[in-house]
Amino acid sequence: MKKITLILMCILLIACGQKTNETSSQSETTPSQEKIMVEMSVQDYGTMEIELDPSIAPISVENFVNLVKEGFYDGSKYHRIIDGFMIQGGAPKDEASYAKLKTIKGEFSANGIENPLKHATGVISMARAKDMDSASSQFFICVADAPHLDGMYAAFGKVTKGIEIALQIAKDAKPIDHNGRILEEEMPIIEYIKVIES
């Protein structure tokens, strides 16, 4: 039974990346390798602080920060939630948002890129489709250790404050299927994500 559950969880993350129209030509490194802090506010729950590490996954961090600065995530929702596994959000809100997206290189060992960050509780990682280079905007936050994802998904940071918020979101969720799909009217809303200036 446990093996079946793990397989279903892997299928969920593989199946939930969105198709996009072009692959990003972002550089393999960012101008700075210093860690970047962002604040995420979830309606009715509070705020989390997340530390992003460009020394581990520079492409993923650059892509995420660019979307944050554009306000892409403001008003988006957590649409797939599985208690004891992860909460996933970051899908485009409308066609205009979707049109802006570009896919990025998957920064994980199965795709030829070393990434030492393990999928432990609080880690943020990029969701993707079957194609290893299909991630664009969707991300997930682990609410439990998920070692079966290590080497298969691009972990790029971790929650440093407010992990109890992610845990509560997962606990409150009422998914309508085994893939963690949430009814539109019950999806927790991300009010904003912003870079915290040092």
Protein backbone atom coordinates (compact mmCIF):
# COMPACT_ATOMS: atom_id res chain seq x y z
CA MET A 1 0.00 0.00 0.00
CA LYS A 2 2.85 2.36 0.91
CA LYS A 3 4.55 1.66 -2.42
CA ILE A 4 1.31 2.43 -4.32
CA THR A 5 0.95 5.71 -2.41
CA LEU A 6 4.52 6.76 -3.29
CA ILE A 7 3.93 5.92 -6.96
CA LEU A 8 0.75 8.02 -6.98
CA MET A 9 2.63 10.92 -5.37
CA CYS A 10 5.34 10.76 -8.03
CA ILE A 11 2.71 10.65 -10.78
CA LEU A 12 1.09 13.73 -9.25
CA LEU A 13 4.24 15.79 -9.45
CA ILE A 14 5.13 14.54 -12.91
CA ALA A 15 1.66 15.19 -14.29
CA CYS A 16 1.13 18.65 -12.84
CA GLY A 17 3.66 20.76 -14.70
CA GLN A 18 2.12 22.88 -17.42
CA LYS A 19 2.94 22.84 -21.09
CA THR A 20 4.65 26.00 -22.29
CA ASN A 21 5.55 27.48 -25.61
CA GLU A 22 9.30 27.87 -25.38
CA THR A 23 12.35 26.88 -23.38
CA SER A 24 14.12 29.60 -21.46
CA SER A 25 17.66 30.44 -22.47
CA GLN A 26 18.47 31.70 -18.99
CA SER A 27 22.11 31.45 -18.07
CA GLU A 28 23.43 28.56 -15.96
CA THR A 29 24.45 31.01 -13.21
CA THR A 30 22.98 34.10 -11.64
CA PRO A 31 24.96 37.31 -11.07
CA SER A 32 25.00 36.66 -7.30
CA GLN A 33 25.25 33.37 -5.46
CA GLU A 34 23.99 34.91 -2.21
CA LYS A 35 20.84 33.47 -0.71
CA ILE A 36 17.62 35.39 -1.38
CA MET A 37 14.77 35.71 1.11
CA VAL A 38 11.16 35.94 0.01
CA GLU A 39 7.98 36.40 2.00
CA MET A 40 4.79 34.57 1.02
CA SER A 41 1.42 35.61 2.42
CA VAL A 42 -1.43 33.11 2.25
CA GLN A 43 -4.93 34.44 2.84
CA ASP A 44 -6.42 33.41 6.21
CA TYR A 45 -3.18 31.65 7.21
CA GLY A 46 -0.33 34.17 7.53
CA THR A 47 3.16 34.55 6.14
CA MET A 48 6.09 32.26 5.52
CA GLU A 49 9.69 33.27 4.88
CA ILE A 50 11.56 31.19 2.32
CA GLU A 51 15.31 31.17 1.72
CA LEU A 52 16.26 30.57 -1.92
CA ASP A 53 19.72 29.23 -2.71
CA PRO A 54 21.12 30.13 -6.16
CA SER A 55 24.33 28.24 -5.42
CA ILE A 56 22.28 25.02 -5.59
CA ALA A 57 19.76 25.79 -8.35
CA PRO A 58 20.59 29.12 -10.02
CA ILE A 59 18.18 28.74 -12.95
CA SER A 60 15.23 27.81 -10.75
CA VAL A 61 15.94 30.65 -8.31
CA GLU A 62 16.35 33.23 -11.08
CA ASN A 63 13.13 32.11 -12.75
CA PHE A 64 11.17 32.14 -9.48
CA VAL A 65 12.49 35.56 -8.40
CA ASN A 66 11.73 37.07 -11.82
CA LEU A 67 8.13 35.82 -11.56
CA VAL A 68 7.89 37.15 -7.99
CA LYS A 69 9.08 40.59 -9.10
CA GLU A 70 6.50 40.61 -11.92
CA GLY A 71 3.73 39.89 -9.40
CA PHE A 72 2.97 36.63 -11.23
CA TYR A 73 2.14 34.72 -8.05
CA ASP A 74 -0.01 37.42 -6.42
CA GLY A 75 -3.56 36.08 -6.28
CA SER A 76 -2.58 32.58 -7.46
CA LYS A 77 -3.69 29.52 -5.52
CA TYR A 78 -2.61 26.23 -4.02
CA HIS A 79 -4.47 23.86 -6.31
CA ARG A 80 -3.04 20.45 -5.32
CA ILE A 81 -2.57 19.50 -1.69
CA ILE A 82 -1.75 16.16 -0.08
CA ASP A 83 -1.40 16.11 3.69
CA GLY A 84 1.76 14.26 4.68
CA PHE A 85 3.38 15.10 1.33
CA MET A 86 3.20 18.59 -0.21
CA ILE A 87 1.22 21.71 -1.13
CA GLN A 88 1.49 22.85 -4.76
CA GLY A 89 0.75 26.21 -6.33
CA GLY A 90 1.98 28.71 -8.89
CA ALA A 91 -0.20 27.86 -11.87
CA PRO A 92 -0.93 30.83 -14.16
CA LYS A 93 -4.07 32.74 -13.23
CA ASP A 94 -5.17 33.46 -16.79
CA GLU A 95 -4.20 33.18 -20.46
CA ALA A 96 -2.09 36.33 -20.32
CA SER A 97 -0.03 34.90 -17.46
CA TYR A 98 0.29 31.57 -19.25
CA ALA A 99 1.56 33.27 -22.42
CA LYS A 100 4.50 34.81 -20.50
CA LEU A 101 5.85 31.51 -19.23
CA LYS A 102 8.98 29.79 -20.45
CA THR A 103 10.23 26.38 -19.43
CA ILE A 104 13.55 26.03 -17.66
CA LYS A 105 16.32 23.46 -17.30
CA GLY A 106 15.60 20.87 -14.60
CA GLU A 107 18.36 21.18 -12.00
CA PHE A 108 18.56 17.66 -10.54
CA SER A 109 20.84 14.65 -10.90
CA ALA A 110 18.54 12.60 -13.14
CA ASN A 111 18.90 15.48 -15.61
CA GLY A 112 22.69 15.68 -15.30
CA ILE A 113 22.88 18.50 -12.74
CA GLU A 114 24.06 17.90 -9.18
CA ASN A 115 21.64 19.22 -6.57
CA PRO A 116 22.44 18.34 -2.94
CA LEU A 117 19.26 19.80 -1.41
CA LYS A 118 17.07 16.96 -0.10
CA HIS A 119 13.27 17.05 -0.23
CA ALA A 120 12.78 17.41 3.51
CA THR A 121 9.93 19.15 5.32
CA GLY A 122 9.89 22.83 4.34
CA VAL A 123 11.86 22.47 1.10
CA ILE A 124 10.50 24.29 -1.96
CA SER A 125 10.96 22.62 -5.34
CA MET A 126 9.83 23.01 -8.94
CA ALA A 127 6.91 20.93 -10.23
CA ARG A 128 7.18 19.67 -13.79
CA ALA A 129 5.61 17.46 -16.44
CA LYS A 130 7.23 14.24 -17.71
CA ASP A 131 9.82 16.21 -19.69
CA MET A 132 12.71 16.95 -17.31
CA ASP A 133 13.03 20.50 -18.68
CA SER A 134 9.32 21.37 -18.47
CA ALA A 135 9.16 23.33 -15.19
CA SER A 136 8.00 26.93 -15.52
CA SER A 137 6.06 28.52 -12.64
CA GLN A 138 4.53 25.77 -10.53
CA PHE A 139 6.27 24.90 -7.27
CA PHE A 140 5.58 22.76 -4.24
CA ILE A 141 6.51 22.94 -0.57
CA CYS A 142 7.13 19.64 1.21
CA VAL A 143 5.10 19.19 4.39
CA ALA A 144 6.91 15.92 5.14
CA ASP A 145 10.20 14.36 4.10
CA ALA A 146 9.95 13.02 0.54
CA PRO A 147 13.29 11.32 -0.28
CA HIS A 148 11.79 9.57 -3.31
CA LEU A 149 11.82 12.98 -5.05
CA ASP A 150 15.55 13.57 -4.52
CA GLY A 151 17.41 13.68 -7.80
CA MET A 152 14.14 13.94 -9.76
CA TYR A 153 12.94 17.48 -8.99
CA ALA A 154 14.73 20.82 -8.65
CA ALA A 155 14.74 21.76 -4.97
CA PHE A 156 15.84 25.40 -4.71
CA GLY A 157 15.20 26.64 -1.18
CA LYS A 158 13.48 26.08 2.15
CA VAL A 159 10.97 27.64 4.50
CA THR A 160 12.87 29.26 7.37
CA LYS A 161 9.91 30.79 9.20
CA GLY A 162 6.23 29.82 9.23
CA ILE A 163 6.39 26.15 8.22
CA GLU A 164 3.38 25.65 10.52
CA ILE A 165 1.37 27.58 7.92
CA ALA A 166 2.17 25.08 5.17
CA LEU A 167 1.40 22.23 7.56
CA GLN A 168 -1.97 23.77 8.47
CA ILE A 169 -2.87 24.32 4.81
CA ALA A 170 -2.20 20.63 4.19
CA LYS A 171 -4.18 19.58 7.26
CA ASP A 172 -7.21 21.72 6.33
CA ALA A 173 -7.33 20.63 2.68
CA LYS A 174 -10.19 18.52 1.37
CA PRO A 175 -8.87 17.01 -1.87
CA ILE A 176 -11.44 15.50 -4.19
CA ASP A 177 -9.18 12.78 -5.59
CA HIS A 178 -5.96 10.86 -4.90
CA ASN A 179 -3.95 13.47 -6.81
CA GLY A 180 -4.79 16.13 -4.23
CA ARG A 181 -6.99 18.23 -6.51
CA ILE A 182 -8.81 20.98 -4.61
CA LEU A 183 -12.13 22.57 -5.56
CA GLU A 184 -11.60 26.06 -6.98
CA GLU A 185 -13.56 27.77 -4.21
CA GLU A 186 -11.54 25.98 -1.53
CA MET A 187 -8.05 26.64 -2.91
CA PRO A 188 -5.90 28.68 -0.48
CA ILE A 189 -4.98 32.02 -2.06
CA ILE A 190 -1.43 33.35 -2.21
CA GLU A 191 -1.98 37.05 -1.55
CA TYR A 192 1.58 37.92 -2.54
CA ILE A 193 5.15 36.77 -2.69
CA LYS A 194 7.83 39.45 -2.39
CA VAL A 195 11.59 39.62 -2.11
CA ILE A 196 12.71 40.76 1.35
CA GLU A 197 15.42 43.32 0.82
CA SER A 198 18.45 42.83 3.07
